Amino acid sequence: MITPAAAGPLGHIALVHEDTECAEDLAHLLRTDGHRVTIVPSGRRIVQSVVDCSPDLLLASHSIVDPPIASVVLGVRQALGGDVRILVLYGHDLEDVPTDVDDVQRTGVAQPMELQIRVSR
């Protein structure tokens, strides 16, 4: 769980999103709230990159495909266990969202406050 530090940022977030512009916008929003954000590029090294940055939260888009989000969640859980929260952003269909996640949120620019609340829990 991300908890406020005495005089530091609220937590470290690894952000994985297939849309670079969307990732930058989300990172800006979260940094404005005091979080440290590492944008992890999609691709075969996602899991290792997330593990290397040792985040408090993995914020990942459901639509990443290489590797699929289920593989990313499994790899991060195997490497970091419960030490990292996982929040998956999804589009329209919850059916394919991995079950071993801590939270899910529908994507869209209209929900920035909801994202801020979910991330700060």
C-alpha atoms as a PDB file:
ATOM      1  CA  MET A   1       0.000   0.000   0.000  1.00  0.00           C
ATOM      2  CA  ILE A   2       1.231   3.474  -0.791  1.00  0.00           C
ATOM      3  CA  THR A   3       1.542   5.494   2.365  1.00  0.00           C
ATOM      4  CA  PRO A   4       2.582   9.115   2.733  1.00  0.00           C
ATOM      5  CA  ALA A   5       6.184   9.588   3.780  1.00  0.00           C
ATOM      6  CA  ALA A   6       7.021  12.200   6.385  1.00  0.00           C
ATOM      7  CA  ALA A   7       8.634  14.611   3.936  1.00  0.00           C
ATOM      8  CA  GLY A   8       8.731  12.724   0.689  1.00  0.00           C
ATOM      9  CA  PRO A   9       6.579  11.612  -2.189  1.00  0.00           C
ATOM     10  CA  LEU A  10       3.477   9.519  -1.615  1.00  0.00           C
ATOM     11  CA  GLY A  11       4.892   6.465  -3.345  1.00  0.00           C
ATOM     12  CA  HIS A  12       6.634   5.064  -6.363  1.00  0.00           C
ATOM     13  CA  ILE A  13       4.454   4.004  -9.283  1.00  0.00           C
ATOM     14  CA  ALA A  14       5.534   1.896 -12.252  1.00  0.00           C
ATOM     15  CA  LEU A  15       3.293   2.899 -15.148  1.00  0.00           C
ATOM     16  CA  VAL A  16       2.892   0.592 -18.157  1.00  0.00           C
ATOM     17  CA  HIS A  17       0.739   1.821 -21.016  1.00  0.00           C
ATOM     18  CA  GLU A  18       0.895   1.076 -24.749  1.00  0.00           C
ATOM     19  CA  ASP A  19      -0.012   4.690 -25.610  1.00  0.00           C
ATOM     20  CA  THR A  20       3.026   6.883 -24.875  1.00  0.00           C
ATOM     21  CA  GLU A  21       1.020  10.101 -24.859  1.00  0.00           C
ATOM     22  CA  CYS A  22      -1.519   8.658 -22.424  1.00  0.00           C
ATOM     23  CA  ALA A  23       1.304   7.370 -20.212  1.00  0.00           C
ATOM     24  CA  GLU A  24       2.868  10.841 -20.115  1.00  0.00           C
ATOM     25  CA  ASP A  25      -0.489  12.432 -19.236  1.00  0.00           C
ATOM     26  CA  LEU A  26      -1.114   9.921 -16.433  1.00  0.00           C
ATOM     27  CA  ALA A  27       2.434  10.355 -15.133  1.00  0.00           C
ATOM     28  CA  HIS A  28       1.994  14.133 -15.054  1.00  0.00           C
ATOM     29  CA  LEU A  29      -1.274  13.802 -13.123  1.00  0.00           C
ATOM     30  CA  LEU A  30       0.280  11.444 -10.580  1.00  0.00           C
ATOM     31  CA  ARG A  31       3.471  13.492 -10.187  1.00  0.00           C
ATOM     32  CA  THR A  32       1.328  16.554  -9.498  1.00  0.00           C
ATOM     33  CA  ASP A  33      -0.081  14.620  -6.541  1.00  0.00           C
ATOM     34  CA  GLY A  34       3.429  13.939  -5.225  1.00  0.00           C
ATOM     35  CA  HIS A  35       4.017  10.417  -6.537  1.00  0.00           C
ATOM     36  CA  ARG A  36       7.280   9.321  -8.114  1.00  0.00           C
ATOM     37  CA  VAL A  37       6.409   7.738 -11.467  1.00  0.00           C
ATOM     38  CA  THR A  38       8.530   5.536 -13.702  1.00  0.00           C
ATOM     39  CA  ILE A  39       7.097   4.973 -17.160  1.00  0.00           C
ATOM     40  CA  VAL A  40       7.984   1.425 -18.168  1.00  0.00           C
ATOM     41  CA  PRO A  41       7.983   0.901 -21.932  1.00  0.00           C
ATOM     42  CA  SER A  42       5.883  -1.961 -23.206  1.00  0.00           C
ATOM     43  CA  GLY A  43       7.730  -4.898 -24.671  1.00  0.00           C
ATOM     44  CA  ARG A  44       9.289  -8.155 -23.598  1.00  0.00           C
ATOM     45  CA  ARG A  45      11.206  -6.610 -20.678  1.00  0.00           C
ATOM     46  CA  ILE A  46       8.194  -5.153 -18.869  1.00  0.00           C
ATOM     47  CA  VAL A  47       8.335  -7.524 -15.911  1.00  0.00           C
ATOM     48  CA  GLN A  48      12.079  -7.114 -15.365  1.00  0.00           C
ATOM     49  CA  SER A  49      11.798  -3.331 -15.725  1.00  0.00           C
ATOM     50  CA  VAL A  50       9.010  -3.213 -13.131  1.00  0.00           C
ATOM     51  CA  VAL A  51      10.985  -5.426 -10.759  1.00  0.00           C
ATOM     52  CA  ASP A  52      14.108  -3.284 -11.250  1.00  0.00           C
ATOM     53  CA  CYS A  53      12.313  -0.077 -10.261  1.00  0.00           C
ATOM     54  CA  SER A  54      10.746  -1.763  -7.186  1.00  0.00           C
ATOM     55  CA  PRO A  55       7.501   0.244  -7.103  1.00  0.00           C
ATOM     56  CA  ASP A  56       4.820   0.470  -4.454  1.00  0.00           C
ATOM     57  CA  LEU A  57       2.200   0.232  -7.206  1.00  0.00           C
ATOM     58  CA  LEU A  58       2.082  -1.156 -10.734  1.00  0.00           C
ATOM     59  CA  LEU A  59      -0.425   0.815 -12.807  1.00  0.00           C
ATOM     60  CA  ALA A  60      -0.884  -1.075 -16.068  1.00  0.00           C
ATOM     61  CA  SER A  61      -3.138  -0.857 -19.077  1.00  0.00           C
ATOM     62  CA  HIS A  62      -5.210  -3.953 -19.745  1.00  0.00           C
ATOM     63  CA  SER A  63      -4.591  -3.531 -23.468  1.00  0.00           C
ATOM     64  CA  ILE A  64      -0.843  -4.224 -23.482  1.00  0.00           C
ATOM     65  CA  VAL A  65      -0.272  -7.309 -25.605  1.00  0.00           C
ATOM     66  CA  ASP A  66       3.457  -8.018 -25.748  1.00  0.00           C
ATOM     67  CA  PRO A  67       3.511  -9.651 -23.273  1.00  0.00           C
ATOM     68  CA  PRO A  68      -0.180  -9.872 -22.345  1.00  0.00           C
ATOM     69  CA  ILE A  69      -1.276  -8.210 -19.114  1.00  0.00           C
ATOM     70  CA  ALA A  70      -1.917 -11.592 -17.446  1.00  0.00           C
ATOM     71  CA  SER A  71       1.742 -12.549 -17.984  1.00  0.00           C
ATOM     72  CA  VAL A  72       2.907  -9.205 -16.618  1.00  0.00           C
ATOM     73  CA  VAL A  73       0.766  -9.560 -13.479  1.00  0.00           C
ATOM     74  CA  LEU A  74       1.946 -13.136 -12.940  1.00  0.00           C
ATOM     75  CA  GLY A  75       5.612 -12.217 -13.414  1.00  0.00           C
ATOM     76  CA  VAL A  76       5.436  -9.233 -11.074  1.00  0.00           C
ATOM     77  CA  ARG A  77       3.567 -11.256  -8.419  1.00  0.00           C
ATOM     78  CA  GLN A  78       6.161 -14.047  -8.640  1.00  0.00           C
ATOM     79  CA  ALA A  79       9.036 -11.592  -8.319  1.00  0.00           C
ATOM     80  CA  LEU A  80       7.660  -9.115  -5.788  1.00  0.00           C
ATOM     81  CA  GLY A  81       4.771 -10.972  -4.156  1.00  0.00           C
ATOM     82  CA  GLY A  82       2.383  -8.826  -2.194  1.00  0.00           C
ATOM     83  CA  ASP A  83       4.950  -6.063  -1.788  1.00  0.00           C
ATOM     84  CA  VAL A  84       3.490  -4.281  -4.801  1.00  0.00           C
ATOM     85  CA  ARG A  85      -0.138  -3.315  -5.406  1.00  0.00           C
ATOM     86  CA  ILE A  86      -1.402  -3.829  -8.936  1.00  0.00           C
ATOM     87  CA  LEU A  87      -4.053  -1.594 -10.474  1.00  0.00           C
ATOM     88  CA  VAL A  88      -5.205  -2.419 -14.002  1.00  0.00           C
ATOM     89  CA  LEU A  89      -6.838   0.123 -16.278  1.00  0.00           C
ATOM     90  CA  TYR A  90      -9.377  -1.495 -18.597  1.00  0.00           C
ATOM     91  CA  GLY A  91     -11.461  -0.311 -21.537  1.00  0.00           C
ATOM     92  CA  HIS A  92     -14.841  -1.955 -21.903  1.00  0.00           C
ATOM     93  CA  ASP A  93     -14.493  -5.619 -21.007  1.00  0.00           C
ATOM     94  CA  LEU A  94     -13.596  -6.774 -17.509  1.00  0.00           C
ATOM     95  CA  GLU A  95     -13.715 -10.390 -18.640  1.00  0.00           C
ATOM     96  CA  ASP A  96     -10.032 -10.575 -19.590  1.00  0.00           C
ATOM     97  CA  VAL A  97      -8.623  -8.662 -16.618  1.00  0.00           C
ATOM     98  CA  PRO A  98      -6.334 -10.930 -14.567  1.00  0.00           C
ATOM     99  CA  THR A  99      -7.805 -11.990 -11.244  1.00  0.00           C
ATOM    100  CA  ASP A 100      -4.597 -11.544  -9.227  1.00  0.00           C
ATOM    101  CA  VAL A 101      -4.834  -7.751  -9.155  1.00  0.00           C
ATOM    102  CA  ASP A 102      -5.649  -5.462  -6.263  1.00  0.00           C
ATOM    103  CA  ASP A 103      -7.896  -3.062  -8.122  1.00  0.00           C
ATOM    104  CA  VAL A 104      -9.274  -2.197 -11.554  1.00  0.00           C
ATOM    105  CA  GLN A 105     -10.437   1.064 -13.057  1.00  0.00           C
ATOM    106  CA  ARG A 106     -12.080   1.882 -16.325  1.00  0.00           C
ATOM    107  CA  THR A 107      -9.889   4.044 -18.555  1.00  0.00           C
ATOM    108  CA  GLY A 108     -10.780   7.485 -19.750  1.00  0.00           C
ATOM    109  CA  VAL A 109      -9.792  11.050 -19.200  1.00  0.00           C
ATOM    110  CA  ALA A 110     -13.071  11.681 -17.383  1.00  0.00           C
ATOM    111  CA  GLN A 111     -11.963   9.702 -14.312  1.00  0.00           C
ATOM    112  CA  PRO A 112      -8.785  11.439 -13.087  1.00  0.00           C
ATOM    113  CA  MET A 113     -10.137  12.024  -9.574  1.00  0.00           C
ATOM    114  CA  GLU A 114     -11.128   8.377  -9.252  1.00  0.00           C
ATOM    115  CA  LEU A 115      -7.626   7.333 -10.320  1.00  0.00           C
ATOM    116  CA  GLN A 116      -6.041   9.712  -7.828  1.00  0.00           C
ATOM    117  CA  ILE A 117      -8.170   8.246  -5.034  1.00  0.00           C
ATOM    118  CA  ARG A 118      -7.460   4.618  -6.000  1.00  0.00           C
ATOM    119  CA  VAL A 119      -3.726   5.225  -6.296  1.00  0.00           C
ATOM    120  CA  SER A 120      -3.505   6.967  -2.928  1.00  0.00           C
ATOM    121  CA  ARG A 121      -5.271   4.208  -0.962  1.00  0.00           C
END
